[in-house]
N, C-alpha and C. Protein backbone atom coordinates (compact mmCIF):
# COMPACT_ATOMS: atom_id res chain seq x y z
N UNK A 1 0.82 -1.20 0.00
CA UNK A 1 0.00 0.00 0.00
C UNK A 1 0.87 1.27 0.00
N UNK A 2 1.98 1.25 0.74
CA UNK A 2 2.86 2.42 0.78
C UNK A 2 3.49 2.68 -0.58
N UNK A 3 3.81 1.61 -1.29
CA UNK A 3 4.40 1.77 -2.62
C UNK A 3 3.42 2.44 -3.56
N UNK A 4 2.16 2.06 -3.50
CA UNK A 4 1.13 2.66 -4.35
C UNK A 4 0.99 4.15 -4.05
N UNK A 5 0.97 4.51 -2.78
CA UNK A 5 0.86 5.92 -2.39
C UNK A 5 2.09 6.70 -2.87
N UNK A 6 3.27 6.11 -2.74
CA UNK A 6 4.50 6.76 -3.19
C UNK A 6 4.48 6.96 -4.70
N UNK A 7 4.06 5.94 -5.44
CA UNK A 7 3.99 6.04 -6.90
C UNK A 7 3.00 7.13 -7.31
N UNK A 8 1.85 7.17 -6.68
CA UNK A 8 0.84 8.19 -6.99
C UNK A 8 1.38 9.59 -6.68
N UNK A 9 2.08 9.74 -5.55
CA UNK A 9 2.64 11.05 -5.19
C UNK A 9 3.69 11.48 -6.20
N UNK A 10 4.58 10.57 -6.60
CA UNK A 10 5.61 10.90 -7.58
C UNK A 10 4.98 11.26 -8.92
N UNK A 11 3.99 10.50 -9.34
CA UNK A 11 3.30 10.81 -10.60
C UNK A 11 2.61 12.17 -10.54
N UNK A 12 2.01 12.50 -9.41
CA UNK A 12 1.35 13.80 -9.25
C UNK A 12 2.37 14.94 -9.36
N UNK A 13 3.54 14.75 -8.74
CA UNK A 13 4.59 15.77 -8.81
C UNK A 13 5.08 15.93 -10.25
N UNK A 14 5.30 14.82 -10.95
CA UNK A 14 5.78 14.88 -12.33
C UNK A 14 4.75 15.51 -13.27
N UNK A 15 3.49 15.20 -13.08
CA UNK A 15 2.44 15.80 -13.91
C UNK A 15 2.37 17.30 -13.65
N UNK A 16 2.45 17.69 -12.38
CA UNK A 16 2.43 19.11 -12.03
C UNK A 16 3.64 19.83 -12.63
N UNK A 17 4.81 19.20 -12.55
CA UNK A 17 6.02 19.80 -13.13
C UNK A 17 5.88 19.97 -14.64
N UNK A 18 5.28 18.99 -15.30
CA UNK A 18 5.08 19.08 -16.75
C UNK A 18 4.13 20.21 -17.11
N UNK A 19 3.06 20.32 -16.38
CA UNK A 19 2.04 21.35 -16.66
C UNK A 19 2.59 22.74 -16.40
N UNK A 20 3.43 22.88 -15.38
CA UNK A 20 3.95 24.20 -15.00
C UNK A 20 5.35 24.46 -15.53
N UNK A 21 5.82 23.67 -16.49
CA UNK A 21 7.12 23.89 -17.10
C UNK A 21 7.07 25.21 -17.88
N UNK A 22 7.89 26.21 -17.50
CA UNK A 22 7.78 27.53 -18.13
C UNK A 22 8.24 27.56 -19.59
N UNK A 23 7.63 28.47 -20.34
CA UNK A 23 7.97 28.66 -21.74
C UNK A 23 9.03 29.75 -21.87
N UNK A 24 9.55 29.92 -23.07
CA UNK A 24 10.52 30.97 -23.34
C UNK A 24 9.91 32.34 -23.10
N UNK A 25 8.67 32.52 -23.50
CA UNK A 25 8.00 33.80 -23.29
C UNK A 25 7.85 34.12 -21.81
N UNK A 26 7.53 33.12 -21.00
CA UNK A 26 7.42 33.33 -19.55
C UNK A 26 8.77 33.70 -18.95
N UNK A 27 9.84 33.09 -19.47
CA UNK A 27 11.18 33.42 -18.99
C UNK A 27 11.53 34.87 -19.32
N UNK A 28 11.24 35.30 -20.52
CA UNK A 28 11.53 36.68 -20.93
C UNK A 28 10.73 37.67 -20.09
N UNK A 29 9.44 37.38 -19.88
CA UNK A 29 8.61 38.26 -19.05
C UNK A 29 9.14 38.33 -17.62
N UNK A 30 9.59 37.18 -17.09
CA UNK A 30 10.16 37.15 -15.74
C UNK A 30 11.44 37.99 -15.70
N UNK A 31 12.29 37.87 -16.72
CA UNK A 31 13.53 38.64 -16.77
C UNK A 31 13.28 40.13 -16.80
N UNK A 32 12.30 40.55 -17.58
CA UNK A 32 11.96 41.98 -17.65
C UNK A 32 11.43 42.46 -16.30
N UNK A 33 10.59 41.66 -15.66
CA UNK A 33 10.06 42.02 -14.33
C UNK A 33 11.18 42.10 -13.30
N UNK A 34 12.16 41.20 -13.38
CA UNK A 34 13.30 41.22 -12.45
C UNK A 34 14.12 42.49 -12.62
N UNK A 35 14.37 42.88 -13.86
CA UNK A 35 15.14 44.10 -14.12
C UNK A 35 14.39 45.31 -13.57
N UNK A 36 13.11 45.37 -13.82
CA UNK A 36 12.31 46.50 -13.32
C UNK A 36 12.21 46.49 -11.81
N UNK A 37 12.10 45.31 -11.20
CA UNK A 37 11.97 45.20 -9.75
C UNK A 37 13.23 45.57 -9.00
N UNK A 38 14.39 45.46 -9.65
CA UNK A 38 15.66 45.77 -8.99
C UNK A 38 16.04 47.23 -9.12
N UNK A 39 15.22 48.02 -9.81
CA UNK A 39 15.51 49.44 -9.98
C UNK A 39 15.27 50.17 -8.67
N UNK A 40 16.17 51.08 -8.33
CA UNK A 40 16.07 51.79 -7.06
C UNK A 40 15.27 53.08 -7.15
N UNK A 41 15.27 53.74 -8.28
CA UNK A 41 14.58 55.01 -8.40
C UNK A 41 13.62 54.97 -9.58
N UNK A 42 12.77 55.99 -9.65
CA UNK A 42 11.82 56.08 -10.77
C UNK A 42 12.56 56.21 -12.09
N UNK A 43 13.65 56.97 -12.10
CA UNK A 43 14.42 57.15 -13.34
C UNK A 43 15.01 55.81 -13.78
N UNK A 44 15.60 55.07 -12.84
CA UNK A 44 16.15 53.75 -13.18
C UNK A 44 15.04 52.81 -13.65
N UNK A 45 13.88 52.94 -13.03
CA UNK A 45 12.75 52.09 -13.43
C UNK A 45 12.34 52.39 -14.87
N UNK A 46 12.29 53.69 -15.20
CA UNK A 46 11.93 54.08 -16.58
C UNK A 46 13.00 53.61 -17.55
N UNK A 47 14.27 53.89 -17.23
CA UNK A 47 15.36 53.47 -18.10
C UNK A 47 15.47 51.94 -18.14
N UNK A 48 15.22 51.29 -17.03
CA UNK A 48 15.24 49.84 -17.00
C UNK A 48 14.20 49.25 -17.92
N UNK A 49 13.02 49.88 -17.96
CA UNK A 49 11.97 49.42 -18.87
C UNK A 49 12.40 49.59 -20.32
N UNK A 50 13.07 50.71 -20.60
CA UNK A 50 13.54 50.95 -21.96
C UNK A 50 14.63 49.97 -22.34
N UNK A 51 15.53 49.72 -21.42
CA UNK A 51 16.64 48.83 -21.69
C UNK A 51 16.18 47.38 -21.73
N UNK A 52 15.22 47.02 -20.88
CA UNK A 52 14.84 45.62 -20.78
C UNK A 52 13.93 45.15 -21.91
N UNK A 53 13.28 46.05 -22.59
CA UNK A 53 12.38 45.64 -23.67
C UNK A 53 13.09 44.84 -24.76
N UNK A 54 14.35 45.19 -25.14
CA UNK A 54 15.02 44.38 -26.16
C UNK A 54 15.43 42.99 -25.68
N UNK A 55 15.14 42.66 -24.42
CA UNK A 55 15.50 41.33 -23.92
C UNK A 55 14.86 40.24 -24.77
N UNK A 56 13.67 40.51 -25.32
CA UNK A 56 13.02 39.49 -26.15
C UNK A 56 13.77 39.26 -27.46
N UNK A 57 14.70 40.17 -27.78
CA UNK A 57 15.52 40.00 -28.98
C UNK A 57 16.84 39.30 -28.67
N UNK A 58 17.16 39.11 -27.38
CA UNK A 58 18.39 38.46 -26.97
C UNK A 58 18.30 36.98 -27.33
N UNK A 59 19.43 36.43 -27.75
CA UNK A 59 19.47 35.02 -28.11
C UNK A 59 19.45 34.18 -26.84
N UNK A 60 18.31 33.58 -26.58
CA UNK A 60 18.13 32.73 -25.41
C UNK A 60 18.01 31.30 -25.88
N UNK A 61 18.90 30.46 -25.39
CA UNK A 61 18.84 29.04 -25.72
C UNK A 61 17.98 28.35 -24.66
N UNK A 62 17.07 27.53 -25.13
CA UNK A 62 16.13 26.86 -24.25
C UNK A 62 16.28 25.36 -24.41
N UNK A 63 16.60 24.67 -23.32
CA UNK A 63 16.70 23.21 -23.34
C UNK A 63 15.55 22.64 -22.51
N UNK A 64 14.55 22.11 -23.20
CA UNK A 64 13.34 21.61 -22.55
C UNK A 64 13.50 20.13 -22.22
N UNK A 65 13.35 19.82 -20.94
CA UNK A 65 13.47 18.44 -20.46
C UNK A 65 12.13 17.92 -19.94
N UNK A 66 11.03 18.39 -20.46
CA UNK A 66 9.65 18.04 -20.15
C UNK A 66 9.24 18.50 -18.75
N UNK A 67 9.96 18.08 -17.71
CA UNK A 67 9.59 18.44 -16.33
C UNK A 67 10.19 19.77 -15.90
N UNK A 68 11.24 20.20 -16.57
CA UNK A 68 11.89 21.48 -16.29
C UNK A 68 12.60 21.95 -17.56
N UNK A 69 13.00 23.23 -17.56
CA UNK A 69 13.69 23.80 -18.71
C UNK A 69 14.91 24.57 -18.21
N UNK A 70 16.01 24.47 -18.95
CA UNK A 70 17.21 25.24 -18.65
C UNK A 70 17.34 26.31 -19.73
N UNK A 71 17.40 27.56 -19.30
CA UNK A 71 17.55 28.71 -20.19
C UNK A 71 18.98 29.21 -20.10
N UNK A 72 19.62 29.44 -21.24
CA UNK A 72 20.99 29.93 -21.28
C UNK A 72 21.02 31.22 -22.09
N UNK A 73 21.64 32.25 -21.50
CA UNK A 73 21.78 33.55 -22.16
C UNK A 73 23.26 33.83 -22.31
N UNK A 74 23.69 34.17 -23.52
CA UNK A 74 25.07 34.56 -23.79
C UNK A 74 25.14 36.08 -23.82
N UNK A 75 26.01 36.66 -23.00
CA UNK A 75 26.22 38.10 -23.01
C UNK A 75 27.72 38.34 -23.03
N UNK A 76 28.21 38.86 -24.14
CA UNK A 76 29.65 39.01 -24.36
C UNK A 76 30.33 37.67 -24.11
N UNK A 77 31.20 37.60 -23.12
CA UNK A 77 31.88 36.33 -22.83
C UNK A 77 31.26 35.61 -21.64
N UNK A 78 30.25 36.19 -21.05
CA UNK A 78 29.60 35.59 -19.89
C UNK A 78 28.41 34.74 -20.33
N UNK A 79 28.17 33.69 -19.57
CA UNK A 79 27.03 32.82 -19.84
C UNK A 79 26.19 32.74 -18.57
N UNK A 80 24.90 32.96 -18.70
CA UNK A 80 23.99 32.92 -17.57
C UNK A 80 23.00 31.78 -17.81
N UNK A 81 22.84 30.93 -16.79
CA UNK A 81 21.94 29.78 -16.91
C UNK A 81 20.89 29.84 -15.80
N UNK A 82 19.66 29.54 -16.19
CA UNK A 82 18.54 29.56 -15.25
C UNK A 82 17.75 28.27 -15.40
N UNK A 83 17.28 27.77 -14.27
CA UNK A 83 16.42 26.59 -14.24
C UNK A 83 14.99 27.07 -14.08
N UNK A 84 14.11 26.62 -14.98
CA UNK A 84 12.70 26.93 -14.88
C UNK A 84 11.92 25.68 -14.53
N UNK A 85 11.29 25.68 -13.37
CA UNK A 85 10.50 24.54 -12.91
C UNK A 85 9.37 25.06 -12.03
N UNK A 86 8.19 24.47 -12.16
CA UNK A 86 7.00 24.88 -11.40
C UNK A 86 6.74 26.39 -11.55
N UNK A 87 6.89 26.92 -12.78
CA UNK A 87 6.71 28.35 -13.07
C UNK A 87 7.58 29.26 -12.23
N UNK A 88 8.74 28.76 -11.81
CA UNK A 88 9.69 29.53 -11.01
C UNK A 88 11.06 29.40 -11.66
N UNK A 89 11.88 30.45 -11.51
CA UNK A 89 13.21 30.45 -12.13
C UNK A 89 14.28 30.57 -11.06
N UNK A 90 15.35 29.79 -11.24
CA UNK A 90 16.47 29.79 -10.31
C UNK A 90 17.76 30.00 -11.09
N UNK A 91 18.62 30.86 -10.57
CA UNK A 91 19.91 31.13 -11.20
C UNK A 91 20.83 29.95 -10.93
N UNK A 92 21.42 29.38 -11.96
CA UNK A 92 22.32 28.23 -11.80
C UNK A 92 23.78 28.63 -11.76
N UNK A 93 24.10 29.91 -11.86
CA UNK A 93 25.50 30.36 -11.84
C UNK A 93 25.99 30.49 -10.41
């Protein structure tokens, strides 16, 4: 009986992870919101909005693993990687 409950719980978690696996558009929207949220003044917020809008034009590599997605952004020589799971993003650097 415990095995059945464990299997059902694991399946429920995997189904939820699949349903809430973020898309590239959700990642871009999250990135823009993060840039705007980190602004300290109204001027930075306005300029941050202007600067962050081209983020959707940035080359973002997306590796979809069904239950989660890894997003990679190349900026000059730096590489930034983020894990997207359960509609949440985590910095992997």
